[in-house]
Full PDB file with SEQRES, HELIX, SHEET, SSBOND, CRYST1, ORIGX, SCALE, CONECT and MASTER records, all heavy atoms in Angstrom:
SEQRES   1 A   44  ASN THR TYR ALA MET GLY TRP PHE ARG GLN ALA PRO GLY          
SEQRES   2 A   44  LYS GLU ARG GLU PHE VAL GLY GLY ILE SER TRP ALA GLY          
SEQRES   3 A   44  GLY SER ILE GLY PHE GLY ASP SER VAL LYS GLY ARG CYS          
SEQRES   4 A   44  THR ILE SER ARG ASP                                          
SHEET    1 AA1 3 MET A   5  ARG A   9  0                                        
SHEET    2 AA1 3 GLU A  17  ILE A  22 -1                                        
SHEET    3 AA1 3 ILE A  29  PHE A  31 -1                                        
CRYST1    1.000    1.000    1.000  90.00  90.00  90.00 P 1           1          
ORIGX1      1.000000  0.000000  0.000000        0.00000                         
ORIGX2      0.000000  1.000000  0.000000        0.00000                         
ORIGX3      0.000000  0.000000  1.000000        0.00000                         
SCALE1      1.000000  0.000000  0.000000        0.00000                         
SCALE2      0.000000  1.000000  0.000000        0.00000                         
SCALE3      0.000000  0.000000  1.000000        0.00000                         
ATOM      1  N   ASN A   1      92.470  99.888 102.733  1.00  0.00           N  
ATOM      2  CA  ASN A   1      92.332 100.239 101.370  1.00  0.00           C  
ATOM      3  C   ASN A   1      93.553 100.770 100.693  1.00  0.00           C  
ATOM      4  O   ASN A   1      93.584 101.274  99.536  1.00  0.00           O  
ATOM      5  CB  ASN A   1      91.242 101.327 101.230  1.00  0.00           C  
ATOM      6  CG  ASN A   1      91.514 102.630 101.920  1.00  0.00           C  
ATOM      7  OD1 ASN A   1      92.559 102.728 102.651  1.00  0.00           O  
ATOM      8  ND2 ASN A   1      90.554 103.603 101.886  1.00  0.00           N  
ATOM      9  N   THR A   2      94.748 100.645 101.445  1.00  0.00           N  
ATOM     10  CA  THR A   2      96.038 100.875 100.816  1.00  0.00           C  
ATOM     11  C   THR A   2      96.818  99.658 100.507  1.00  0.00           C  
ATOM     12  O   THR A   2      97.820  99.711  99.911  1.00  0.00           O  
ATOM     13  CB  THR A   2      96.904 101.720 101.794  1.00  0.00           C  
ATOM     14  OG1 THR A   2      97.372 101.042 102.850  1.00  0.00           O  
ATOM     15  CG2 THR A   2      96.299 103.116 102.128  1.00  0.00           C  
ATOM     16  N   TYR A   3      96.245  98.505 100.995  1.00  0.00           N  
ATOM     17  CA  TYR A   3      97.048  97.259 100.770  1.00  0.00           C  
ATOM     18  C   TYR A   3      96.500  96.475  99.606  1.00  0.00           C  
ATOM     19  O   TYR A   3      95.283  96.373  99.388  1.00  0.00           O  
ATOM     20  CB  TYR A   3      96.761  96.350 101.965  1.00  0.00           C  
ATOM     21  CG  TYR A   3      97.135  96.908 103.375  1.00  0.00           C  
ATOM     22  CD1 TYR A   3      96.380  96.768 104.398  1.00  0.00           C  
ATOM     23  CD2 TYR A   3      98.331  97.710 103.427  1.00  0.00           C  
ATOM     24  CE1 TYR A   3      96.815  97.306 105.727  1.00  0.00           C  
ATOM     25  CE2 TYR A   3      98.747  98.194 104.656  1.00  0.00           C  
ATOM     26  CZ  TYR A   3      97.992  98.031 105.826  1.00  0.00           C  
ATOM     27  OH  TYR A   3      98.410  98.572 106.984  1.00  0.00           O  
ATOM     28  N   ALA A   4      97.510  95.895  98.873  1.00  0.00           N  
ATOM     29  CA  ALA A   4      97.206  94.736  98.103  1.00  0.00           C  
ATOM     30  C   ALA A   4      97.106  93.522  98.921  1.00  0.00           C  
ATOM     31  O   ALA A   4      97.843  93.435  99.929  1.00  0.00           O  
ATOM     32  CB  ALA A   4      98.261  94.579  96.942  1.00  0.00           C  
ATOM     33  N   MET A   5      96.154  92.683  98.638  1.00  0.00           N  
ATOM     34  CA  MET A   5      95.913  91.488  99.345  1.00  0.00           C  
ATOM     35  C   MET A   5      96.221  90.247  98.655  1.00  0.00           C  
ATOM     36  O   MET A   5      96.029  90.194  97.503  1.00  0.00           O  
ATOM     37  CB  MET A   5      94.517  91.468  99.857  1.00  0.00           C  
ATOM     38  CG  MET A   5      94.058  92.600 100.732  1.00  0.00           C  
ATOM     39  SD  MET A   5      94.975  92.835 102.293  1.00  0.00           S  
ATOM     40  CE  MET A   5      94.554  91.353 103.114  1.00  0.00           C  
ATOM     41  N   GLY A   6      96.720  89.177  99.366  1.00  0.00           N  
ATOM     42  CA  GLY A   6      97.005  87.940  98.696  1.00  0.00           C  
ATOM     43  C   GLY A   6      96.518  86.739  99.519  1.00  0.00           C  
ATOM     44  O   GLY A   6      96.401  86.876 100.855  1.00  0.00           O  
ATOM     45  N   TRP A   7      96.239  85.704  98.847  1.00  0.00           N  
ATOM     46  CA  TRP A   7      95.890  84.431  99.462  1.00  0.00           C  
ATOM     47  C   TRP A   7      96.956  83.391  99.062  1.00  0.00           C  
ATOM     48  O   TRP A   7      97.436  83.264  97.947  1.00  0.00           O  
ATOM     49  CB  TRP A   7      94.508  83.954  98.974  1.00  0.00           C  
ATOM     50  CG  TRP A   7      93.367  84.619  99.593  1.00  0.00           C  
ATOM     51  CD1 TRP A   7      92.625  85.585  99.053  1.00  0.00           C  
ATOM     52  CD2 TRP A   7      92.807  84.360 100.880  1.00  0.00           C  
ATOM     53  NE1 TRP A   7      91.716  86.039  99.961  1.00  0.00           N  
ATOM     54  CE2 TRP A   7      91.746  85.295 101.098  1.00  0.00           C  
ATOM     55  CE3 TRP A   7      93.006  83.456 101.869  1.00  0.00           C  
ATOM     56  CZ2 TRP A   7      90.936  85.361 102.218  1.00  0.00           C  
ATOM     57  CZ3 TRP A   7      92.260  83.503 103.027  1.00  0.00           C  
ATOM     58  CH2 TRP A   7      91.193  84.367 103.162  1.00  0.00           C  
ATOM     59  N   PHE A   8      97.461  82.629 100.109  1.00  0.00           N  
ATOM     60  CA  PHE A   8      98.407  81.663  99.939  1.00  0.00           C  
ATOM     61  C   PHE A   8      97.875  80.334 100.578  1.00  0.00           C  
ATOM     62  O   PHE A   8      96.964  80.308 101.418  1.00  0.00           O  
ATOM     63  CB  PHE A   8      99.723  81.986 100.548  1.00  0.00           C  
ATOM     64  CG  PHE A   8     100.453  83.174  99.858  1.00  0.00           C  
ATOM     65  CD1 PHE A   8     100.005  84.382 100.126  1.00  0.00           C  
ATOM     66  CD2 PHE A   8     101.416  82.871  99.047  1.00  0.00           C  
ATOM     67  CE1 PHE A   8     100.678  85.503  99.406  1.00  0.00           C  
ATOM     68  CE2 PHE A   8     102.131  83.905  98.411  1.00  0.00           C  
ATOM     69  CZ  PHE A   8     101.710  85.182  98.580  1.00  0.00           C  
ATOM     70  N   ARG A   9      98.482  79.232 100.259  1.00  0.00           N  
ATOM     71  CA  ARG A   9      98.062  78.015 100.951  1.00  0.00           C  
ATOM     72  C   ARG A   9      99.316  77.125 101.142  1.00  0.00           C  
ATOM     73  O   ARG A   9     100.280  77.219 100.364  1.00  0.00           O  
ATOM     74  CB  ARG A   9      97.008  77.258 100.192  1.00  0.00           C  
ATOM     75  CG  ARG A   9      97.444  76.675  98.830  1.00  0.00           C  
ATOM     76  CD  ARG A   9      96.327  76.055  98.101  1.00  0.00           C  
ATOM     77  NE  ARG A   9      96.743  75.442  96.851  1.00  0.00           N  
ATOM     78  CZ  ARG A   9      95.908  74.996  95.947  1.00  0.00           C  
ATOM     79  NH1 ARG A   9      94.465  75.010  96.214  1.00  0.00           N  
ATOM     80  NH2 ARG A   9      96.311  74.373  94.826  1.00  0.00           N  
ATOM     81  N   GLN A  10      99.252  76.295 102.117  1.00  0.00           N  
ATOM     82  CA  GLN A  10     100.317  75.429 102.390  1.00  0.00           C  
ATOM     83  C   GLN A  10      99.793  73.956 102.811  1.00  0.00           C  
ATOM     84  O   GLN A  10      99.061  73.925 103.854  1.00  0.00           O  
ATOM     85  CB  GLN A  10     101.216  75.882 103.518  1.00  0.00           C  
ATOM     86  CG  GLN A  10     102.471  75.024 103.709  1.00  0.00           C  
ATOM     87  CD  GLN A  10     103.532  75.828 104.519  1.00  0.00           C  
ATOM     88  OE1 GLN A  10     103.215  76.720 105.362  1.00  0.00           O  
ATOM     89  NE2 GLN A  10     104.790  75.438 104.361  1.00  0.00           N  
ATOM     90  N   ALA A  11     100.018  73.033 102.000  1.00  0.00           N  
ATOM     91  CA  ALA A  11      99.612  71.672 102.299  1.00  0.00           C  
ATOM     92  C   ALA A  11     100.647  70.949 103.100  1.00  0.00           C  
ATOM     93  O   ALA A  11     101.846  71.351 103.120  1.00  0.00           O  
ATOM     94  CB  ALA A  11      99.374  70.935 100.962  1.00  0.00           C  
ATOM     95  N   PRO A  12     100.329  69.870 103.830  1.00  0.00           N  
ATOM     96  CA  PRO A  12     101.317  69.197 104.579  1.00  0.00           C  
ATOM     97  C   PRO A  12     102.485  68.658 103.781  1.00  0.00           C  
ATOM     98  O   PRO A  12     102.331  68.052 102.726  1.00  0.00           O  
ATOM     99  CB  PRO A  12     100.499  68.030 105.219  1.00  0.00           C  
ATOM    100  CG  PRO A  12      99.133  68.501 105.209  1.00  0.00           C  
ATOM    101  CD  PRO A  12      98.958  69.364 103.992  1.00  0.00           C  
ATOM    102  N   GLY A  13     103.692  69.027 104.177  1.00  0.00           N  
ATOM    103  CA  GLY A  13     104.820  68.578 103.444  1.00  0.00           C  
ATOM    104  C   GLY A  13     105.248  69.324 102.290  1.00  0.00           C  
ATOM    105  O   GLY A  13     106.147  68.962 101.489  1.00  0.00           O  
ATOM    106  N   LYS A  14     104.562  70.305 101.993  1.00  0.00           N  
ATOM    107  CA  LYS A  14     104.820  71.234 100.796  1.00  0.00           C  
ATOM    108  C   LYS A  14     105.004  72.591 101.152  1.00  0.00           C  
ATOM    109  O   LYS A  14     104.702  73.101 102.245  1.00  0.00           O  
ATOM    110  CB  LYS A  14     103.590  71.122  99.798  1.00  0.00           C  
ATOM    111  CG  LYS A  14     103.289  69.730  99.232  1.00  0.00           C  
ATOM    112  CD  LYS A  14     102.146  69.867  98.292  1.00  0.00           C  
ATOM    113  CE  LYS A  14     101.903  68.431  97.721  1.00  0.00           C  
ATOM    114  NZ  LYS A  14     100.856  68.514  96.701  1.00  0.00           N  
ATOM    115  N   GLU A  15     105.671  73.393 100.236  1.00  0.00           N  
ATOM    116  CA  GLU A  15     105.956  74.754 100.431  1.00  0.00           C  
ATOM    117  C   GLU A  15     104.707  75.618 100.166  1.00  0.00           C  
ATOM    118  O   GLU A  15     103.712  75.206  99.682  1.00  0.00           O  
ATOM    119  CB  GLU A  15     106.994  75.252  99.412  1.00  0.00           C  
ATOM    120  CG  GLU A  15     108.428  74.662  99.682  1.00  0.00           C  
ATOM    121  CD  GLU A  15     109.456  75.172  98.780  1.00  0.00           C  
ATOM    122  OE1 GLU A  15     109.141  75.843  97.803  1.00  0.00           O  
ATOM    123  OE2 GLU A  15     110.689  74.916  99.059  1.00  0.00           O  
ATOM    124  N   ARG A  16     104.686  76.786 100.849  1.00  0.00           N  
ATOM    125  CA  ARG A  16     103.708  77.712 100.679  1.00  0.00           C  
ATOM    126  C   ARG A  16     103.475  78.174  99.217  1.00  0.00           C  
ATOM    127  O   ARG A  16     104.477  78.384  98.526  1.00  0.00           O  
ATOM    128  CB  ARG A  16     103.862  78.878 101.587  1.00  0.00           C  
ATOM    129  CG  ARG A  16     102.685  79.885 101.561  1.00  0.00           C  
ATOM    130  CD  ARG A  16     102.842  80.851 102.758  1.00  0.00           C  
ATOM    131  NE  ARG A  16     102.789  80.343 103.966  1.00  0.00           N  
ATOM    132  CZ  ARG A  16     102.852  81.031 105.124  1.00  0.00           C  
ATOM    133  NH1 ARG A  16     102.988  82.302 105.163  1.00  0.00           N  
ATOM    134  NH2 ARG A  16     102.884  80.327 106.265  1.00  0.00           N  
ATOM    135  N   GLU A  17     102.220  78.193  98.758  1.00  0.00           N  
ATOM    136  CA  GLU A  17     101.875  78.423  97.378  1.00  0.00           C  
ATOM    137  C   GLU A  17     101.000  79.590  97.231  1.00  0.00           C  
ATOM    138  O   GLU A  17     100.041  79.792  97.991  1.00  0.00           O  
ATOM    139  CB  GLU A  17     101.278  77.173  96.785  1.00  0.00           C  
ATOM    140  CG  GLU A  17     100.787  77.285  95.335  1.00  0.00           C  
ATOM    141  CD  GLU A  17      99.949  76.052  94.892  1.00  0.00           C  
ATOM    142  OE1 GLU A  17      99.472  75.367  95.729  1.00  0.00           O  
ATOM    143  OE2 GLU A  17      99.787  75.972  93.672  1.00  0.00           O  
ATOM    144  N   PHE A  18     101.240  80.411  96.295  1.00  0.00           N  
ATOM    145  CA  PHE A  18     100.425  81.603  95.987  1.00  0.00           C  
ATOM    146  C   PHE A  18      99.155  81.077  95.245  1.00  0.00           C  
ATOM    147  O   PHE A  18      99.185  80.359  94.338  1.00  0.00           O  
ATOM    148  CB  PHE A  18     101.192  82.458  94.974  1.00  0.00           C  
ATOM    149  CG  PHE A  18     100.336  83.675  94.605  1.00  0.00           C  
ATOM    150  CD1 PHE A  18     100.040  84.719  95.357  1.00  0.00           C  
ATOM    151  CD2 PHE A  18      99.889  83.833  93.238  1.00  0.00           C  
ATOM    152  CE1 PHE A  18      99.389  85.860  94.909  1.00  0.00           C  
ATOM    153  CE2 PHE A  18      99.172  84.757  92.747  1.00  0.00           C  
ATOM    154  CZ  PHE A  18      98.890  85.788  93.616  1.00  0.00           C  
ATOM    155  N   VAL A  19      98.007  81.598  95.836  1.00  0.00           N  
ATOM    156  CA  VAL A  19      96.665  81.213  95.273  1.00  0.00           C  
ATOM    157  C   VAL A  19      96.105  82.408  94.436  1.00  0.00           C  
ATOM    158  O   VAL A  19      95.784  82.167  93.238  1.00  0.00           O  
ATOM    159  CB  VAL A  19      95.729  80.935  96.433  1.00  0.00           C  
ATOM    160  CG1 VAL A  19      94.300  80.642  95.886  1.00  0.00           C  
ATOM    161  CG2 VAL A  19      96.175  79.780  97.284  1.00  0.00           C  
ATOM    162  N   GLY A  20      96.162  83.598  94.912  1.00  0.00           N  
ATOM    163  CA  GLY A  20      95.641  84.659  94.245  1.00  0.00           C  
ATOM    164  C   GLY A  20      95.910  85.966  94.995  1.00  0.00           C  
ATOM    165  O   GLY A  20      96.165  86.077  96.187  1.00  0.00           O  
ATOM    166  N   GLY A  21      95.833  87.081  94.214  1.00  0.00           N  
ATOM    167  CA  GLY A  21      95.987  88.418  94.861  1.00  0.00           C  
ATOM    168  C   GLY A  21      95.099  89.418  94.173  1.00  0.00           C  
ATOM    169  O   GLY A  21      94.626  89.260  92.971  1.00  0.00           O  
ATOM    170  N   ILE A  22      94.921  90.548  94.876  1.00  0.00           N  
ATOM    171  CA  ILE A  22      94.102  91.594  94.336  1.00  0.00           C  
ATOM    172  C   ILE A  22      94.729  92.946  94.801  1.00  0.00           C  
ATOM    173  O   ILE A  22      95.189  93.082  95.992  1.00  0.00           O  
ATOM    174  CB  ILE A  22      92.617  91.479  94.923  1.00  0.00           C  
ATOM    175  CG1 ILE A  22      91.698  92.552  94.303  1.00  0.00           C  
ATOM    176  CG2 ILE A  22      92.631  91.477  96.415  1.00  0.00           C  
ATOM    177  CD1 ILE A  22      90.199  92.258  94.560  1.00  0.00           C  
ATOM    178  N   SER A  23      94.701  93.887  93.909  1.00  0.00           N  
ATOM    179  CA  SER A  23      95.205  95.286  94.234  1.00  0.00           C  
ATOM    180  C   SER A  23      94.421  96.017  95.188  1.00  0.00           C  
ATOM    181  O   SER A  23      93.273  95.524  95.595  1.00  0.00           O  
ATOM    182  CB  SER A  23      95.392  96.068  92.964  1.00  0.00           C  
ATOM    183  OG  SER A  23      94.085  96.287  92.328  1.00  0.00           O  
ATOM    184  N   TRP A  24      94.910  97.158  95.673  1.00  0.00           N  
ATOM    185  CA  TRP A  24      94.266  97.875  96.728  1.00  0.00           C  
ATOM    186  C   TRP A  24      92.785  98.378  96.360  1.00  0.00           C  
ATOM    187  O   TRP A  24      91.945  98.443  97.083  1.00  0.00           O  
ATOM    188  CB  TRP A  24      95.060  99.111  97.102  1.00  0.00           C  
ATOM    189  CG  TRP A  24      95.209 100.187  96.123  1.00  0.00           C  
ATOM    190  CD1 TRP A  24      96.214 100.273  95.140  1.00  0.00           C  
ATOM    191  CD2 TRP A  24      94.380 101.294  95.952  1.00  0.00           C  
ATOM    192  NE1 TRP A  24      96.066 101.366  94.386  1.00  0.00           N  
ATOM    193  CE2 TRP A  24      94.912 102.064  94.796  1.00  0.00           C  
ATOM    194  CE3 TRP A  24      93.220 101.768  96.630  1.00  0.00           C  
ATOM    195  CZ2 TRP A  24      94.321 103.228  94.411  1.00  0.00           C  
ATOM    196  CZ3 TRP A  24      92.712 102.985  96.185  1.00  0.00           C  
ATOM    197  CH2 TRP A  24      93.248 103.727  95.060  1.00  0.00           C  
ATOM    198  N   ALA A  25      92.673  98.633  94.977  1.00  0.00           N  
ATOM    199  CA  ALA A  25      91.365  99.186  94.439  1.00  0.00           C  
ATOM    200  C   ALA A  25      90.616  98.029  93.822  1.00  0.00           C  
ATOM    201  O   ALA A  25      89.459  98.318  93.431  1.00  0.00           O  
ATOM    202  CB  ALA A  25      91.616 100.232  93.548  1.00  0.00           C  
ATOM    203  N   GLY A  26      91.115  96.880  93.746  1.00  0.00           N  
ATOM    204  CA  GLY A  26      90.444  95.760  93.147  1.00  0.00           C  
ATOM    205  C   GLY A  26      90.551  95.624  91.672  1.00  0.00           C  
ATOM    206  O   GLY A  26      90.000  94.690  91.091  1.00  0.00           O  
ATOM    207  N   GLY A  27      91.229  96.512  90.909  1.00  0.00           N  
ATOM    208  CA  GLY A  27      91.286  96.482  89.457  1.00  0.00           C  
ATOM    209  C   GLY A  27      92.305  95.518  88.961  1.00  0.00           C  
ATOM    210  O   GLY A  27      92.279  95.331  87.706  1.00  0.00           O  
ATOM    211  N   SER A  28      93.181  95.047  89.770  1.00  0.00           N  
ATOM    212  CA  SER A  28      94.248  94.154  89.261  1.00  0.00           C  
ATOM    213  C   SER A  28      94.069  92.833  90.089  1.00  0.00           C  
ATOM    214  O   SER A  28      94.183  92.890  91.289  1.00  0.00           O  
ATOM    215  CB  SER A  28      95.602  94.794  89.472  1.00  0.00           C  
ATOM    216  OG  SER A  28      96.586  93.820  89.141  1.00  0.00           O  
ATOM    217  N   ILE A  29      93.987  91.662  89.407  1.00  0.00           N  
ATOM    218  CA  ILE A  29      93.757  90.433  90.017  1.00  0.00           C  
ATOM    219  C   ILE A  29      94.597  89.359  89.339  1.00  0.00           C  
ATOM    220  O   ILE A  29      94.742  89.400  88.031  1.00  0.00           O  
ATOM    221  CB  ILE A  29      92.314  89.941  89.976  1.00  0.00           C  
ATOM    222  CG1 ILE A  29      91.399  90.964  90.780  1.00  0.00           C  
ATOM    223  CG2 ILE A  29      92.048  88.556  90.530  1.00  0.00           C  
ATOM    224  CD1 ILE A  29      89.959  90.737  90.673  1.00  0.00           C  
ATOM    225  N   GLY A  30      95.136  88.475  90.090  1.00  0.00           N  
ATOM    226  CA  GLY A  30      95.889  87.395  89.572  1.00  0.00           C  
ATOM    227  C   GLY A  30      95.767  86.053  90.307  1.00  0.00           C  
ATOM    228  O   GLY A  30      95.437  86.203  91.595  1.00  0.00           O  
ATOM    229  N   PHE A  31      95.986  85.016  89.705  1.00  0.00           N  
ATOM    230  CA  PHE A  31      95.887  83.659  90.374  1.00  0.00           C  
ATOM    231  C   PHE A  31      96.934  82.762  90.069  1.00  0.00           C  
ATOM    232  O   PHE A  31      97.639  82.914  88.994  1.00  0.00           O  
ATOM    233  CB  PHE A  31      94.527  83.013  89.880  1.00  0.00           C  
ATOM    234  CG  PHE A  31      93.271  83.757  90.297  1.00  0.00           C  
ATOM    235  CD1 PHE A  31      92.621  84.540  89.322  1.00  0.00           C  
ATOM    236  CD2 PHE A  31      92.772  83.601  91.591  1.00  0.00           C  
ATOM    237  CE1 PHE A  31      91.508  85.301  89.646  1.00  0.00           C  
ATOM    238  CE2 PHE A  31      91.644  84.227  91.864  1.00  0.00           C  
ATOM    239  CZ  PHE A  31      90.963  85.138  90.958  1.00  0.00           C  
ATOM    240  N   GLY A  32      97.264  81.967  90.925  1.00  0.00           N  
ATOM    241  CA  GLY A  32      98.212  80.816  90.615  1.00  0.00           C  
ATOM    242  C   GLY A  32      97.599  79.846  89.625  1.00  0.00           C  
ATOM    243  O   GLY A  32      96.382  79.652  89.394  1.00  0.00           O  
ATOM    244  N   ASP A  33      98.568  79.168  88.957  1.00  0.00           N  
ATOM    245  CA  ASP A  33      98.106  78.302  87.818  1.00  0.00           C  
ATOM    246  C   ASP A  33      97.210  77.124  88.367  1.00  0.00           C  
ATOM    247  O   ASP A  33      96.334  76.675  87.617  1.00  0.00           O  
ATOM    248  CB  ASP A  33      99.342  77.700  87.181  1.00  0.00           C  
ATOM    249  CG  ASP A  33     100.076  78.807  86.405  1.00  0.00           C  
ATOM    250  OD1 ASP A  33      99.365  79.787  85.971  1.00  0.00           O  
ATOM    251  OD2 ASP A  33     101.297  78.497  86.063  1.00  0.00           O  
ATOM    252  N   SER A  34      97.463  76.695  89.552  1.00  0.00           N  
ATOM    253  CA  SER A  34      96.660  75.545  90.104  1.00  0.00           C  
ATOM    254  C   SER A  34      95.227  75.873  90.410  1.00  0.00           C  
ATOM    255  O   SER A  34      94.489  74.834  90.487  1.00  0.00           O  
ATOM    256  CB  SER A  34      97.387  75.021  91.357  1.00  0.00           C  
ATOM    257  OG  SER A  34      97.341  76.015  92.374  1.00  0.00           O  
ATOM    258  N   VAL A  35      94.873  77.089  90.386  1.00  0.00           N  
ATOM    259  CA  VAL A  35      93.470  77.431  90.783  1.00  0.00           C  
ATOM    260  C   VAL A  35      92.775  78.336  89.725  1.00  0.00           C  
ATOM    261  O   VAL A  35      91.587  78.664  89.881  1.00  0.00           O  
ATOM    262  CB  VAL A  35      93.378  78.177  92.183  1.00  0.00           C  
ATOM    263  CG1 VAL A  35      93.891  77.308  93.215  1.00  0.00           C  
ATOM    264  CG2 VAL A  35      94.071  79.507  92.033  1.00  0.00           C  
ATOM    265  N   LYS A  36      93.405  78.649  88.679  1.00  0.00           N  
ATOM    266  CA  LYS A  36      92.833  79.409  87.699  1.00  0.00           C  
ATOM    267  C   LYS A  36      91.636  78.806  87.058  1.00  0.00           C  
ATOM    268  O   LYS A  36      91.521  77.607  86.723  1.00  0.00           O  
ATOM    269  CB  LYS A  36      93.867  79.746  86.508  1.00  0.00           C  
ATOM    270  CG  LYS A  36      94.960  80.769  86.965  1.00  0.00           C  
ATOM    271  CD  LYS A  36      95.926  80.992  85.708  1.00  0.00           C  
ATOM    272  CE  LYS A  36      96.910  82.132  86.063  1.00  0.00           C  
ATOM    273  NZ  LYS A  36      97.820  82.381  84.971  1.00  0.00           N  
ATOM    274  N   GLY A  37      90.567  79.641  86.931  1.00  0.00           N  
ATOM    275  CA  GLY A  37      89.296  79.121  86.431  1.00  0.00           C  
ATOM    276  C   GLY A  37      88.436  78.542  87.505  1.00  0.00           C  
ATOM    277  O   GLY A  37      87.250  78.304  87.241  1.00  0.00           O  
ATOM    278  N   ARG A  38      88.936  78.408  88.753  1.00  0.00           N  
ATOM    279  CA  ARG A  38      88.118  77.932  89.807  1.00  0.00           C  
ATOM    280  C   ARG A  38      87.927  78.812  91.022  1.00  0.00           C  
ATOM    281  O   ARG A  38      87.134  78.532  91.906  1.00  0.00           O  
ATOM    282  CB  ARG A  38      88.635  76.540  90.361  1.00  0.00           C  
ATOM    283  CG  ARG A  38      88.760  75.494  89.326  1.00  0.00           C  
ATOM    284  CD  ARG A  38      89.197  74.180  89.895  1.00  0.00           C  
ATOM    285  NE  ARG A  38      90.517  74.173  90.490  1.00  0.00           N  
ATOM    286  CZ  ARG A  38      90.858  73.989  91.771  1.00  0.00           C  
ATOM    287  NH1 ARG A  38      89.881  73.693  92.570  1.00  0.00           N  
ATOM    288  NH2 ARG A  38      92.082  74.035  92.050  1.00  0.00           N  
ATOM    289  N   CYS A  39      88.747  79.880  91.008  1.00  0.00           N  
ATOM    290  CA  CYS A  39      88.591  80.824  92.069  1.00  0.00           C  
ATOM    291  C   CYS A  39      88.350  82.334  91.682  1.00  0.00           C  
ATOM    292  O   CYS A  39      88.797  82.601  90.567  1.00  0.00           O  
ATOM    293  CB  CYS A  39      90.052  80.802  92.953  1.00  0.00           C  
ATOM    294  SG  CYS A  39      90.322  79.325  93.822  1.00  0.00           S  
ATOM    295  N   THR A  40      87.721  83.035  92.562  1.00  0.00           N  
ATOM    296  CA  THR A  40      87.663  84.415  92.321  1.00  0.00           C  
ATOM    297  C   THR A  40      88.057  85.223  93.622  1.00  0.00           C  
ATOM    298  O   THR A  40      87.841  84.608  94.685  1.00  0.00           O  
ATOM    299  CB  THR A  40      86.207  84.920  92.029  1.00  0.00           C  
ATOM    300  OG1 THR A  40      85.291  84.429  92.946  1.00  0.00           O  
ATOM    301  CG2 THR A  40      85.868  84.231  90.626  1.00  0.00           C  
ATOM    302  N   ILE A  41      88.554  86.422  93.449  1.00  0.00           N  
ATOM    303  CA  ILE A  41      88.943  87.239  94.601  1.00  0.00           C  
ATOM    304  C   ILE A  41      88.187  88.500  94.485  1.00  0.00           C  
ATOM    305  O   ILE A  41      88.050  89.125  93.395  1.00  0.00           O  
ATOM    306  CB  ILE A  41      90.411  87.486  94.586  1.00  0.00           C  
ATOM    307  CG1 ILE A  41      91.229  86.147  94.887  1.00  0.00           C  
ATOM    308  CG2 ILE A  41      90.814  88.513  95.711  1.00  0.00           C  
ATOM    309  CD1 ILE A  41      92.823  86.354  94.830  1.00  0.00           C  
ATOM    310  N   SER A  42      87.727  89.010  95.658  1.00  0.00           N  
ATOM    311  CA  SER A  42      87.069  90.268  95.739  1.00  0.00           C  
ATOM    312  C   SER A  42      87.438  90.931  97.087  1.00  0.00           C  
ATOM    313  O   SER A  42      87.889  90.256  98.003  1.00  0.00           O  
ATOM    314  CB  SER A  42      85.536  90.109  95.526  1.00  0.00           C  
ATOM    315  OG  SER A  42      85.015  89.339  96.532  1.00  0.00           O  
ATOM    316  N   ARG A  43      87.128  92.235  97.190  1.00  0.00           N  
ATOM    317  CA  ARG A  43      87.354  92.875  98.381  1.00  0.00           C  
ATOM    318  C   ARG A  43      86.253  94.001  98.628  1.00  0.00           C  
ATOM    319  O   ARG A  43      85.676  94.489  97.658  1.00  0.00           O  
ATOM    320  CB  ARG A  43      88.741  93.523  98.388  1.00  0.00           C  
ATOM    321  CG  ARG A  43      88.932  94.627  97.437  1.00  0.00           C  
ATOM    322  CD  ARG A  43      90.407  95.029  97.314  1.00  0.00           C  
ATOM    323  NE  ARG A  43      90.858  95.606  98.678  1.00  0.00           N  
ATOM    324  CZ  ARG A  43      92.146  95.749  98.957  1.00  0.00           C  
ATOM    325  NH1 ARG A  43      93.116  95.257  98.165  1.00  0.00           N  
ATOM    326  NH2 ARG A  43      92.505  96.218 100.109  1.00  0.00           N  
ATOM    327  N   ASP A  44      85.965  94.228  99.862  1.00  0.00           N  
ATOM    328  CA  ASP A  44      85.017  95.232 100.328  1.00  0.00           C  
ATOM    329  C   ASP A  44      85.832  96.119 101.258  1.00  0.00           C  
ATOM    330  O   ASP A  44      86.063  95.850 102.400  1.00  0.00           O  
ATOM    331  CB  ASP A  44      83.880  94.647 101.053  1.00  0.00           C  
ATOM    332  CG  ASP A  44      82.775  95.556 101.358  1.00  0.00           C  
ATOM    333  OD1 ASP A  44      83.116  96.890 101.357  1.00  0.00           O  
ATOM    334  OD2 ASP A  44      81.635  95.223 101.515  1.00  0.00           O  
TER     335      ASP A  44                                                      
MASTER        0    0    0    0    3    0    0    6  334    1    0    4          
END                                                                             
């Protein structure tokens, strides 16, 4: 509960890409442009 968390992805032959992140309390969320509108992030 002190960590901000992030999701990344890496496709074959490509660099690692930011998918989304969430703050330690969940109040701040952000997504990469490639997945905006299609992904949600949550934490327990």
